[in-house]
Amino acid sequence: MLDDSSLSFIRIDHQSRLRFGRTEVMIGSPFVLEVGGVVHHLNPQRWDGLGPLVALYPSSVRWLWTSPEGALKVIFHHGAVLTVSPDPSTTAWSVGNVYAETGEPTQDPSD
């Protein structure tokens, strides 16, 4: 469950990371982004082709879920759909909480 559905920022290095409040979605393998009926096959390590991903900012998420087969699907309010299929050779994706921003004291959310 996302604590905030608004896309806070996108980070691109050898992975693509999308931050929603304190929740981070990491994409580590090729993925598909459909925007306005156009399907983009993207790779987080091919920075020159990630324009459609960057263009998601600013936006917000309607649904985020995983399939029983291990695919991640993110549906944005404006209709874009991001899908990351499982990859047995690498960590294709992960979703996790970020407990502290730079400069903030680290606190366990269970406190």
PDB file of N, CA and C in Angstrom:
ATOM      1  N   MET A   1       0.839  -1.174   0.000  1.00  0.00           N
ATOM      2  CA  MET A   1       0.000   0.000   0.000  1.00  0.00           C
ATOM      3  C   MET A   1       0.888   1.242   0.000  1.00  0.00           C
ATOM      4  N   LEU A   2       0.574   2.184  -0.862  1.00  0.00           N
ATOM      5  CA  LEU A   2       1.341   3.415  -0.941  1.00  0.00           C
ATOM      6  C   LEU A   2       0.856   4.406   0.112  1.00  0.00           C
ATOM      7  N   ASP A   3       1.801   5.034   0.794  1.00  0.00           N
ATOM      8  CA  ASP A   3       1.421   6.074   1.753  1.00  0.00           C
ATOM      9  C   ASP A   3       1.054   7.372   1.039  1.00  0.00           C
ATOM     10  N   ASP A   4       1.536   7.527  -0.196  1.00  0.00           N
ATOM     11  CA  ASP A   4       1.258   8.713  -1.002  1.00  0.00           C
ATOM     12  C   ASP A   4       1.253   8.258  -2.458  1.00  0.00           C
ATOM     13  N   SER A   5       0.202   8.529  -3.187  1.00  0.00           N
ATOM     14  CA  SER A   5       0.115   8.066  -4.574  1.00  0.00           C
ATOM     15  C   SER A   5       0.777   9.016  -5.571  1.00  0.00           C
ATOM     16  N   SER A   6       1.220  10.193  -5.116  1.00  0.00           N
ATOM     17  CA  SER A   6       1.855  11.165  -6.006  1.00  0.00           C
ATOM     18  C   SER A   6       3.305  10.785  -6.283  1.00  0.00           C
ATOM     19  N   LEU A   7       3.688  10.853  -7.545  1.00  0.00           N
ATOM     20  CA  LEU A   7       5.064  10.568  -7.941  1.00  0.00           C
ATOM     21  C   LEU A   7       5.939  11.734  -7.495  1.00  0.00           C
ATOM     22  N   SER A   8       6.799  11.486  -6.491  1.00  0.00           N
ATOM     23  CA  SER A   8       7.653  12.525  -5.911  1.00  0.00           C
ATOM     24  C   SER A   8       8.832  12.845  -6.814  1.00  0.00           C
ATOM     25  N   PHE A   9       9.492  11.806  -7.327  1.00  0.00           N
ATOM     26  CA  PHE A   9      10.606  11.993  -8.245  1.00  0.00           C
ATOM     27  C   PHE A   9      10.960  10.691  -8.925  1.00  0.00           C
ATOM     28  N   ILE A  10      11.757  10.805  -9.985  1.00  0.00           N
ATOM     29  CA  ILE A  10      12.276   9.662 -10.730  1.00  0.00           C
ATOM     30  C   ILE A  10      13.793   9.750 -10.681  1.00  0.00           C
ATOM     31  N   ARG A  11      14.447   8.656 -10.348  1.00  0.00           N
ATOM     32  CA  ARG A  11      15.911   8.597 -10.320  1.00  0.00           C
ATOM     33  C   ARG A  11      16.353   7.590 -11.366  1.00  0.00           C
ATOM     34  N   ILE A  12      17.337   7.975 -12.151  1.00  0.00           N
ATOM     35  CA  ILE A  12      17.850   7.099 -13.198  1.00  0.00           C
ATOM     36  C   ILE A  12      19.352   6.944 -13.025  1.00  0.00           C
ATOM     37  N   ASP A  13      19.816   5.719 -12.883  1.00  0.00           N
ATOM     38  CA  ASP A  13      21.232   5.372 -12.929  1.00  0.00           C
ATOM     39  C   ASP A  13      21.292   4.012 -13.614  1.00  0.00           C
ATOM     40  N   HIS A  14      21.841   2.988 -13.023  1.00  0.00           N
ATOM     41  CA  HIS A  14      21.801   1.664 -13.653  1.00  0.00           C
ATOM     42  C   HIS A  14      20.462   0.970 -13.433  1.00  0.00           C
ATOM     43  N   GLN A  15      19.592   1.629 -12.668  1.00  0.00           N
ATOM     44  CA  GLN A  15      18.220   1.198 -12.447  1.00  0.00           C
ATOM     45  C   GLN A  15      17.334   2.424 -12.601  1.00  0.00           C
ATOM     46  N   SER A  16      16.047   2.222 -12.683  1.00  0.00           N
ATOM     47  CA  SER A  16      15.100   3.330 -12.652  1.00  0.00           C
ATOM     48  C   SER A  16      14.331   3.218 -11.345  1.00  0.00           C
ATOM     49  N   ARG A  17      14.192   4.343 -10.653  1.00  0.00           N
ATOM     50  CA  ARG A  17      13.493   4.354  -9.368  1.00  0.00           C
ATOM     51  C   ARG A  17      12.424   5.427  -9.383  1.00  0.00           C
ATOM     52  N   LEU A  18      11.239   5.042  -8.970  1.00  0.00           N
ATOM     53  CA  LEU A  18      10.125   5.973  -8.876  1.00  0.00           C
ATOM     54  C   LEU A  18       9.743   6.076  -7.410  1.00  0.00           C
ATOM     55  N   ARG A  19       9.674   7.292  -6.889  1.00  0.00           N
ATOM     56  CA  ARG A  19       9.352   7.493  -5.478  1.00  0.00           C
ATOM     57  C   ARG A  19       7.951   8.045  -5.340  1.00  0.00           C
ATOM     58  N   PHE A  20       7.181   7.404  -4.486  1.00  0.00           N
ATOM     59  CA  PHE A  20       5.820   7.816  -4.133  1.00  0.00           C
ATOM     60  C   PHE A  20       5.802   8.007  -2.628  1.00  0.00           C
ATOM     61  N   GLY A  21       5.966   9.236  -2.150  1.00  0.00           N
ATOM     62  CA  GLY A  21       6.068   9.464  -0.710  1.00  0.00           C
ATOM     63  C   GLY A  21       7.287   8.744  -0.174  1.00  0.00           C
ATOM     64  N   ARG A  22       7.073   7.825   0.747  1.00  0.00           N
ATOM     65  CA  ARG A  22       8.179   7.045   1.314  1.00  0.00           C
ATOM     66  C   ARG A  22       8.297   5.649   0.692  1.00  0.00           C
ATOM     67  N   THR A  23       7.596   5.423  -0.396  1.00  0.00           N
ATOM     68  CA  THR A  23       7.664   4.133  -1.080  1.00  0.00           C
ATOM     69  C   THR A  23       8.441   4.294  -2.375  1.00  0.00           C
ATOM     70  N   GLU A  24       9.390   3.387  -2.586  1.00  0.00           N
ATOM     71  CA  GLU A  24      10.203   3.435  -3.791  1.00  0.00           C
ATOM     72  C   GLU A  24       9.977   2.179  -4.622  1.00  0.00           C
ATOM     73  N   VAL A  25       9.736   2.385  -5.923  1.00  0.00           N
ATOM     74  CA  VAL A  25       9.617   1.292  -6.878  1.00  0.00           C
ATOM     75  C   VAL A  25      10.911   1.274  -7.680  1.00  0.00           C
ATOM     76  N   MET A  26      11.660   0.174  -7.598  1.00  0.00           N
ATOM     77  CA  MET A  26      12.909   0.022  -8.336  1.00  0.00           C
ATOM     78  C   MET A  26      12.669  -0.890  -9.523  1.00  0.00           C
ATOM     79  N   ILE A  27      13.153  -0.471 -10.690  1.00  0.00           N
ATOM     80  CA  ILE A  27      13.063  -1.277 -11.908  1.00  0.00           C
ATOM     81  C   ILE A  27      14.486  -1.588 -12.334  1.00  0.00           C
ATOM     82  N   GLY A  28      14.810  -2.877 -12.386  1.00  0.00           N
ATOM     83  CA  GLY A  28      16.176  -3.286 -12.702  1.00  0.00           C
ATOM     84  C   GLY A  28      16.322  -4.054 -13.991  1.00  0.00           C
ATOM     85  N   SER A  29      15.248  -4.255 -14.731  1.00  0.00           N
ATOM     86  CA  SER A  29      15.325  -5.008 -15.987  1.00  0.00           C
ATOM     87  C   SER A  29      14.400  -4.343 -17.010  1.00  0.00           C
ATOM     88  N   PRO A  30      14.482  -4.755 -18.270  1.00  0.00           N
ATOM     89  CA  PRO A  30      13.613  -4.158 -19.283  1.00  0.00           C
ATOM     90  C   PRO A  30      12.137  -4.223 -18.877  1.00  0.00           C
ATOM     91  N   PHE A  31      11.384  -3.199 -19.284  1.00  0.00           N
ATOM     92  CA  PHE A  31       9.985  -3.088 -18.907  1.00  0.00           C
ATOM     93  C   PHE A  31       9.196  -2.457 -20.049  1.00  0.00           C
ATOM     94  N   VAL A  32       7.891  -2.486 -19.902  1.00  0.00           N
ATOM     95  CA  VAL A  32       6.987  -1.947 -20.917  1.00  0.00           C
ATOM     96  C   VAL A  32       6.189  -0.809 -20.290  1.00  0.00           C
ATOM     97  N   LEU A  33       6.097   0.290 -21.019  1.00  0.00           N
ATOM     98  CA  LEU A  33       5.292   1.428 -20.593  1.00  0.00           C
ATOM     99  C   LEU A  33       4.332   1.774 -21.726  1.00  0.00           C
ATOM    100  N   GLU A  34       3.038   1.716 -21.430  1.00  0.00           N
ATOM    101  CA  GLU A  34       2.028   2.089 -22.419  1.00  0.00           C
ATOM    102  C   GLU A  34       1.428   3.428 -22.024  1.00  0.00           C
ATOM    103  N   VAL A  35       1.511   4.389 -22.934  1.00  0.00           N
ATOM    104  CA  VAL A  35       0.992   5.732 -22.695  1.00  0.00           C
ATOM    105  C   VAL A  35       0.159   6.144 -23.905  1.00  0.00           C
ATOM    106  N   GLY A  36      -1.101   6.427 -23.682  1.00  0.00           N
ATOM    107  CA  GLY A  36      -1.964   6.891 -24.767  1.00  0.00           C
ATOM    108  C   GLY A  36      -2.047   5.916 -25.934  1.00  0.00           C
ATOM    109  N   GLY A  37      -2.025   4.626 -25.660  1.00  0.00           N
ATOM    110  CA  GLY A  37      -2.112   3.611 -26.705  1.00  0.00           C
ATOM    111  C   GLY A  37      -0.800   3.293 -27.389  1.00  0.00           C
ATOM    112  N   VAL A  38       0.270   4.003 -27.033  1.00  0.00           N
ATOM    113  CA  VAL A  38       1.598   3.749 -27.612  1.00  0.00           C
ATOM    114  C   VAL A  38       2.396   2.907 -26.618  1.00  0.00           C
ATOM    115  N   VAL A  39       2.945   1.786 -27.093  1.00  0.00           N
ATOM    116  CA  VAL A  39       3.709   0.878 -26.243  1.00  0.00           C
ATOM    117  C   VAL A  39       5.202   1.156 -26.426  1.00  0.00           C
ATOM    118  N   HIS A  40       5.881   1.406 -25.298  1.00  0.00           N
ATOM    119  CA  HIS A  40       7.316   1.661 -25.292  1.00  0.00           C
ATOM    120  C   HIS A  40       8.011   0.502 -24.584  1.00  0.00           C
ATOM    121  N   HIS A  41       8.969  -0.115 -25.233  1.00  0.00           N
ATOM    122  CA  HIS A  41       9.790  -1.162 -24.621  1.00  0.00           C
ATOM    123  C   HIS A  41      11.062  -0.480 -24.146  1.00  0.00           C
ATOM    124  N   LEU A  42      11.217  -0.372 -22.825  1.00  0.00           N
ATOM    125  CA  LEU A  42      12.297   0.419 -22.239  1.00  0.00           C
ATOM    126  C   LEU A  42      13.254  -0.459 -21.448  1.00  0.00           C
ATOM    127  N   ASN A  43      14.473   0.040 -21.299  1.00  0.00           N
ATOM    128  CA  ASN A  43      15.500  -0.651 -20.532  1.00  0.00           C
ATOM    129  C   ASN A  43      16.120   0.370 -19.586  1.00  0.00           C
ATOM    130  N   PRO A  44      16.149   0.099 -18.277  1.00  0.00           N
ATOM    131  CA  PRO A  44      16.679   1.081 -17.336  1.00  0.00           C
ATOM    132  C   PRO A  44      18.153   1.410 -17.563  1.00  0.00           C
ATOM    133  N   GLN A  45      18.859   0.579 -18.300  1.00  0.00           N
ATOM    134  CA  GLN A  45      20.274   0.837 -18.576  1.00  0.00           C
ATOM    135  C   GLN A  45      20.493   1.502 -19.929  1.00  0.00           C
ATOM    136  N   ARG A  46      19.430   1.819 -20.636  1.00  0.00           N
ATOM    137  CA  ARG A  46      19.493   2.564 -21.900  1.00  0.00           C
ATOM    138  C   ARG A  46      18.897   3.939 -21.656  1.00  0.00           C
ATOM    139  N   TRP A  47      19.686   4.821 -21.044  1.00  0.00           N
ATOM    140  CA  TRP A  47      19.200   6.122 -20.589  1.00  0.00           C
ATOM    141  C   TRP A  47      18.661   6.967 -21.729  1.00  0.00           C
ATOM    142  N   ASP A  48      19.220   6.796 -22.927  1.00  0.00           N
ATOM    143  CA  ASP A  48      18.792   7.625 -24.061  1.00  0.00           C
ATOM    144  C   ASP A  48      17.363   7.319 -24.511  1.00  0.00           C
ATOM    145  N   GLY A  49      16.783   6.225 -24.039  1.00  0.00           N
ATOM    146  CA  GLY A  49      15.430   5.863 -24.447  1.00  0.00           C
ATOM    147  C   GLY A  49      14.387   5.995 -23.356  1.00  0.00           C
ATOM    148  N   LEU A  50      14.752   6.584 -22.217  1.00  0.00           N
ATOM    149  CA  LEU A  50      13.837   6.624 -21.073  1.00  0.00           C
ATOM    150  C   LEU A  50      12.945   7.865 -21.023  1.00  0.00           C
ATOM    151  N   GLY A  51      12.896   8.622 -22.104  1.00  0.00           N
ATOM    152  CA  GLY A  51      12.049   9.811 -22.147  1.00  0.00           C
ATOM    153  C   GLY A  51      10.603   9.547 -21.767  1.00  0.00           C
ATOM    154  N   PRO A  52       9.969   8.469 -22.282  1.00  0.00           N
ATOM    155  CA  PRO A  52       8.576   8.203 -21.899  1.00  0.00           C
ATOM    156  C   PRO A  52       8.407   7.963 -20.387  1.00  0.00           C
ATOM    157  N   LEU A  53       9.409   7.370 -19.755  1.00  0.00           N
ATOM    158  CA  LEU A  53       9.349   7.167 -18.301  1.00  0.00           C
ATOM    159  C   LEU A  53       9.446   8.511 -17.583  1.00  0.00           C
ATOM    160  N   VAL A  54      10.395   9.333 -17.985  1.00  0.00           N
ATOM    161  CA  VAL A  54      10.573  10.642 -17.361  1.00  0.00           C
ATOM    162  C   VAL A  54       9.322  11.495 -17.539  1.00  0.00           C
ATOM    163  N   ALA A  55       8.646  11.351 -18.662  1.00  0.00           N
ATOM    164  CA  ALA A  55       7.447  12.139 -18.939  1.00  0.00           C
ATOM    165  C   ALA A  55       6.278  11.780 -18.022  1.00  0.00           C
ATOM    166  N   LEU A  56       6.387  10.717 -17.235  1.00  0.00           N
ATOM    167  CA  LEU A  56       5.338  10.390 -16.267  1.00  0.00           C
ATOM    168  C   LEU A  56       5.249  11.433 -15.160  1.00  0.00           C
ATOM    169  N   TYR A  57       6.359  12.150 -14.921  1.00  0.00           N
ATOM    170  CA  TYR A  57       6.389  13.147 -13.851  1.00  0.00           C
ATOM    171  C   TYR A  57       5.808  14.452 -14.348  1.00  0.00           C
ATOM    172  N   PRO A  58       4.947  15.104 -13.643  1.00  0.00           N
ATOM    173  CA  PRO A  58       4.291  14.700 -12.398  1.00  0.00           C
ATOM    174  C   PRO A  58       3.042  13.871 -12.687  1.00  0.00           C
ATOM    175  N   SER A  59       2.758  12.935 -11.851  1.00  0.00           N
ATOM    176  CA  SER A  59       1.556  12.121 -11.979  1.00  0.00           C
ATOM    177  C   SER A  59       1.291  11.417 -10.655  1.00  0.00           C
ATOM    178  N   SER A  60       0.298  10.567 -10.645  1.00  0.00           N
ATOM    179  CA  SER A  60      -0.005   9.796  -9.446  1.00  0.00           C
ATOM    180  C   SER A  60      -0.509   8.418  -9.854  1.00  0.00           C
ATOM    181  N   VAL A  61      -0.436   7.499  -8.922  1.00  0.00           N
ATOM    182  CA  VAL A  61      -0.771   6.102  -9.172  1.00  0.00           C
ATOM    183  C   VAL A  61      -2.196   5.801  -8.738  1.00  0.00           C
ATOM    184  N   ARG A  62      -2.879   5.058  -9.579  1.00  0.00           N
ATOM    185  CA  ARG A  62      -4.215   4.558  -9.242  1.00  0.00           C
ATOM    186  C   ARG A  62      -4.100   3.167  -8.606  1.00  0.00           C
ATOM    187  N   TRP A  63      -3.313   2.274  -9.214  1.00  0.00           N
ATOM    188  CA  TRP A  63      -3.150   0.897  -8.728  1.00  0.00           C
ATOM    189  C   TRP A  63      -1.694   0.466  -8.869  1.00  0.00           C
ATOM    190  N   LEU A  64      -1.239  -0.327  -7.934  1.00  0.00           N
ATOM    191  CA  LEU A  64       0.081  -0.959  -7.991  1.00  0.00           C
ATOM    192  C   LEU A  64      -0.111  -2.371  -7.449  1.00  0.00           C
ATOM    193  N   TRP A  65       0.218  -3.381  -8.255  1.00  0.00           N
ATOM    194  CA  TRP A  65       0.065  -4.752  -7.771  1.00  0.00           C
ATOM    195  C   TRP A  65       1.018  -5.690  -8.492  1.00  0.00           C
ATOM    196  N   THR A  66       1.108  -6.897  -7.964  1.00  0.00           N
ATOM    197  CA  THR A  66       1.921  -7.942  -8.576  1.00  0.00           C
ATOM    198  C   THR A  66       1.030  -9.116  -8.939  1.00  0.00           C
ATOM    199  N   SER A  67       1.422  -9.793 -10.006  1.00  0.00           N
ATOM    200  CA  SER A  67       0.673 -10.977 -10.433  1.00  0.00           C
ATOM    201  C   SER A  67       1.221 -12.203  -9.715  1.00  0.00           C
ATOM    202  N   PRO A  68       0.466 -13.293  -9.696  1.00  0.00           N
ATOM    203  CA  PRO A  68       0.976 -14.533  -9.107  1.00  0.00           C
ATOM    204  C   PRO A  68       2.250 -15.028  -9.807  1.00  0.00           C
ATOM    205  N   GLU A  69       2.433 -14.632 -11.067  1.00  0.00           N
ATOM    206  CA  GLU A  69       3.616 -15.043 -11.830  1.00  0.00           C
ATOM    207  C   GLU A  69       4.829 -14.172 -11.535  1.00  0.00           C
ATOM    208  N   GLY A  70       4.652 -13.062 -10.785  1.00  0.00           N
ATOM    209  CA  GLY A  70       5.779 -12.216 -10.393  1.00  0.00           C
ATOM    210  C   GLY A  70       5.960 -10.949 -11.198  1.00  0.00           C
ATOM    211  N   ALA A  71       4.979 -10.569 -11.989  1.00  0.00           N
ATOM    212  CA  ALA A  71       5.068  -9.309 -12.736  1.00  0.00           C
ATOM    213  C   ALA A  71       4.552  -8.165 -11.868  1.00  0.00           C
ATOM    214  N   LEU A  72       5.159  -6.997 -12.030  1.00  0.00           N
ATOM    215  CA  LEU A  72       4.712  -5.783 -11.355  1.00  0.00           C
ATOM    216  C   LEU A  72       3.944  -4.937 -12.355  1.00  0.00           C
ATOM    217  N   LYS A  73       2.807  -4.410 -11.941  1.00  0.00           N
ATOM    218  CA  LYS A  73       2.014  -3.535 -12.805  1.00  0.00           C
ATOM    219  C   LYS A  73       1.653  -2.288 -12.016  1.00  0.00           C
ATOM    220  N   VAL A  74       1.898  -1.124 -12.644  1.00  0.00           N
ATOM    221  CA  VAL A  74       1.565   0.165 -12.044  1.00  0.00           C
ATOM    222  C   VAL A  74       0.665   0.904 -13.027  1.00  0.00           C
ATOM    223  N   ILE A  75      -0.518   1.297 -12.570  1.00  0.00           N
ATOM    224  CA  ILE A  75      -1.448   2.046 -13.417  1.00  0.00           C
ATOM    225  C   ILE A  75      -1.561   3.450 -12.846  1.00  0.00           C
ATOM    226  N   PHE A  76      -1.288   4.422 -13.690  1.00  0.00           N
ATOM    227  CA  PHE A  76      -1.336   5.825 -13.296  1.00  0.00           C
ATOM    228  C   PHE A  76      -2.722   6.395 -13.556  1.00  0.00           C
ATOM    229  N   HIS A  77      -3.073   7.454 -12.834  1.00  0.00           N
ATOM    230  CA  HIS A  77      -4.393   8.075 -12.964  1.00  0.00           C
ATOM    231  C   HIS A  77      -4.676   8.551 -14.382  1.00  0.00           C
ATOM    232  N   HIS A  78      -3.670   9.002 -15.107  1.00  0.00           N
ATOM    233  CA  HIS A  78      -3.900   9.490 -16.470  1.00  0.00           C
ATOM    234  C   HIS A  78      -3.929   8.359 -17.499  1.00  0.00           C
ATOM    235  N   GLY A  79      -3.843   7.095 -17.038  1.00  0.00           N
ATOM    236  CA  GLY A  79      -4.016   5.958 -17.927  1.00  0.00           C
ATOM    237  C   GLY A  79      -2.759   5.218 -18.337  1.00  0.00           C
ATOM    238  N   ALA A  80      -1.577   5.760 -18.059  1.00  0.00           N
ATOM    239  CA  ALA A  80      -0.340   5.052 -18.399  1.00  0.00           C
ATOM    240  C   ALA A  80      -0.249   3.767 -17.584  1.00  0.00           C
ATOM    241  N   VAL A  81       0.311   2.718 -18.205  1.00  0.00           N
ATOM    242  CA  VAL A  81       0.480   1.424 -17.545  1.00  0.00           C
ATOM    243  C   VAL A  81       1.928   0.997 -17.685  1.00  0.00           C
ATOM    244  N   LEU A  82       2.586   0.754 -16.553  1.00  0.00           N
ATOM    245  CA  LEU A  82       3.968   0.293 -16.511  1.00  0.00           C
ATOM    246  C   LEU A  82       3.966  -1.160 -16.064  1.00  0.00           C
ATOM    247  N   THR A  83       4.621  -2.035 -16.822  1.00  0.00           N
ATOM    248  CA  THR A  83       4.663  -3.462 -16.499  1.00  0.00           C
ATOM    249  C   THR A  83       6.102  -3.947 -16.516  1.00  0.00           C
ATOM    250  N   VAL A  84       6.502  -4.605 -15.428  1.00  0.00           N
ATOM    251  CA  VAL A  84       7.831  -5.214 -15.334  1.00  0.00           C
ATOM    252  C   VAL A  84       7.625  -6.710 -15.150  1.00  0.00           C
ATOM    253  N   SER A  85       8.084  -7.487 -16.118  1.00  0.00           N
ATOM    254  CA  SER A  85       7.968  -8.948 -16.027  1.00  0.00           C
ATOM    255  C   SER A  85       9.098  -9.497 -15.159  1.00  0.00           C
ATOM    256  N   PRO A  86       8.886 -10.654 -14.538  1.00  0.00           N
ATOM    257  CA  PRO A  86       9.960 -11.246 -13.743  1.00  0.00           C
ATOM    258  C   PRO A  86      11.137 -11.631 -14.633  1.00  0.00           C
ATOM    259  N   ASP A  87      12.323 -11.599 -14.066  1.00  0.00           N
ATOM    260  CA  ASP A  87      13.547 -11.963 -14.784  1.00  0.00           C
ATOM    261  C   ASP A  87      14.359 -12.870 -13.876  1.00  0.00           C
ATOM    262  N   PRO A  88      14.512 -14.155 -14.226  1.00  0.00           N
ATOM    263  CA  PRO A  88      15.217 -15.079 -13.347  1.00  0.00           C
ATOM    264  C   PRO A  88      16.705 -14.784 -13.189  1.00  0.00           C
ATOM    265  N   SER A  89      17.272 -13.941 -14.057  1.00  0.00           N
ATOM    266  CA  SER A  89      18.709 -13.677 -13.984  1.00  0.00           C
ATOM    267  C   SER A  89      19.064 -12.436 -13.163  1.00  0.00           C
ATOM    268  N   THR A  90      18.069 -11.647 -12.744  1.00  0.00           N
ATOM    269  CA  THR A  90      18.346 -10.421 -11.996  1.00  0.00           C
ATOM    270  C   THR A  90      17.116 -10.029 -11.179  1.00  0.00           C
ATOM    271  N   THR A  91      17.270  -9.017 -10.360  1.00  0.00           N
ATOM    272  CA  THR A  91      16.123  -8.473  -9.642  1.00  0.00           C
ATOM    273  C   THR A  91      15.412  -7.532 -10.601  1.00  0.00           C
ATOM    274  N   ALA A  92      14.299  -7.987 -11.154  1.00  0.00           N
ATOM    275  CA  ALA A  92      13.572  -7.212 -12.156  1.00  0.00           C
ATOM    276  C   ALA A  92      12.944  -5.965 -11.556  1.00  0.00           C
ATOM    277  N   TRP A  93      12.451  -6.074 -10.329  1.00  0.00           N
ATOM    278  CA  TRP A  93      11.792  -4.956  -9.674  1.00  0.00           C
ATOM    279  C   TRP A  93      11.736  -5.206  -8.172  1.00  0.00           C
ATOM    280  N   SER A  94      11.544  -4.140  -7.424  1.00  0.00           N
ATOM    281  CA  SER A  94      11.268  -4.255  -5.994  1.00  0.00           C
ATOM    282  C   SER A  94      10.459  -3.042  -5.567  1.00  0.00           C
ATOM    283  N   VAL A  95       9.713  -3.203  -4.501  1.00  0.00           N
ATOM    284  CA  VAL A  95       8.941  -2.120  -3.915  1.00  0.00           C
ATOM    285  C   VAL A  95       9.270  -2.118  -2.432  1.00  0.00           C
ATOM    286  N   GLY A  96       9.683  -0.962  -1.923  1.00  0.00           N
ATOM    287  CA  GLY A  96      10.045  -0.904  -0.517  1.00  0.00           C
ATOM    288  C   GLY A  96       9.842   0.477   0.059  1.00  0.00           C
ATOM    289  N   ASN A  97       9.854   0.535   1.376  1.00  0.00           N
ATOM    290  CA  ASN A  97       9.700   1.807   2.077  1.00  0.00           C
ATOM    291  C   ASN A  97      11.050   2.428   2.330  1.00  0.00           C
ATOM    292  N   VAL A  98      11.098   3.728   2.223  1.00  0.00           N
ATOM    293  CA  VAL A  98      12.285   4.501   2.538  1.00  0.00           C
ATOM    294  C   VAL A  98      11.974   5.186   3.855  1.00  0.00           C
ATOM    295  N   TYR A  99      12.692   4.813   4.907  1.00  0.00           N
ATOM    296  CA  TYR A  99      12.352   5.302   6.244  1.00  0.00           C
ATOM    297  C   TYR A  99      12.771   6.732   6.496  1.00  0.00           C
ATOM    298  N   ALA A 100      13.851   7.200   5.862  1.00  0.00           N
ATOM    299  CA  ALA A 100      14.313   8.558   6.150  1.00  0.00           C
ATOM    300  C   ALA A 100      14.864   9.209   4.897  1.00  0.00           C
ATOM    301  N   GLU A 101      14.531  10.461   4.714  1.00  0.00           N
ATOM    302  CA  GLU A 101      15.124  11.266   3.661  1.00  0.00           C
ATOM    303  C   GLU A 101      16.478  11.745   4.168  1.00  0.00           C
ATOM    304  N   THR A 102      17.322  12.220   3.275  1.00  0.00           N
ATOM    305  CA  THR A 102      18.610  12.756   3.667  1.00  0.00           C
ATOM    306  C   THR A 102      18.403  13.872   4.679  1.00  0.00           C
ATOM    307  N   GLY A 103      19.121  13.783   5.791  1.00  0.00           N
ATOM    308  CA  GLY A 103      19.022  14.807   6.825  1.00  0.00           C
ATOM    309  C   GLY A 103      17.972  14.524   7.880  1.00  0.00           C
ATOM    310  N   GLU A 104      17.113  13.540   7.652  1.00  0.00           N
ATOM    311  CA  GLU A 104      16.101  13.197   8.645  1.00  0.00           C
ATOM    312  C   GLU A 104      16.624  12.080   9.532  1.00  0.00           C
ATOM    313  N   PRO A 105      16.269  12.075  10.804  1.00  0.00           N
ATOM    314  CA  PRO A 105      16.679  10.961  11.658  1.00  0.00           C
ATOM    315  C   PRO A 105      15.975   9.678  11.217  1.00  0.00           C
ATOM    316  N   THR A 106      16.687   8.572  11.279  1.00  0.00           N
ATOM    317  CA  THR A 106      16.105   7.288  10.925  1.00  0.00           C
ATOM    318  C   THR A 106      15.232   6.795  12.065  1.00  0.00           C
ATOM    319  N   GLN A 107      14.016   6.422  11.746  1.00  0.00           N
ATOM    320  CA  GLN A 107      13.093   5.920  12.749  1.00  0.00           C
ATOM    321  C   GLN A 107      12.354   4.733  12.165  1.00  0.00           C
ATOM    322  N   ASP A 108      12.306   3.665  12.907  1.00  0.00           N
ATOM    323  CA  ASP A 108      11.550   2.487  12.503  1.00  0.00           C
ATOM    324  C   ASP A 108      10.072   2.859  12.507  1.00  0.00           C
ATOM    325  N   PRO A 109       9.336   2.573  11.390  1.00  0.00           N
ATOM    326  CA  PRO A 109       7.913   2.941  11.331  1.00  0.00           C
ATOM    327  C   PRO A 109       7.055   2.257  12.373  1.00  0.00           C
ATOM    328  N   SER A 110       7.549   1.215  13.022  1.00  0.00           N
ATOM    329  CA  SER A 110       6.743   0.537  14.043  1.00  0.00           C
ATOM    330  C   SER A 110       6.800   1.252  15.385  1.00  0.00           C
ATOM    331  N   ASP A 111       7.682   2.263  15.512  1.00  0.00           N
ATOM    332  CA  ASP A 111       7.772   3.037  16.764  1.00  0.00           C
ATOM    333  C   ASP A 111       6.577   3.932  16.964  1.00  0.00           C
TER     334      ASP A 111
END
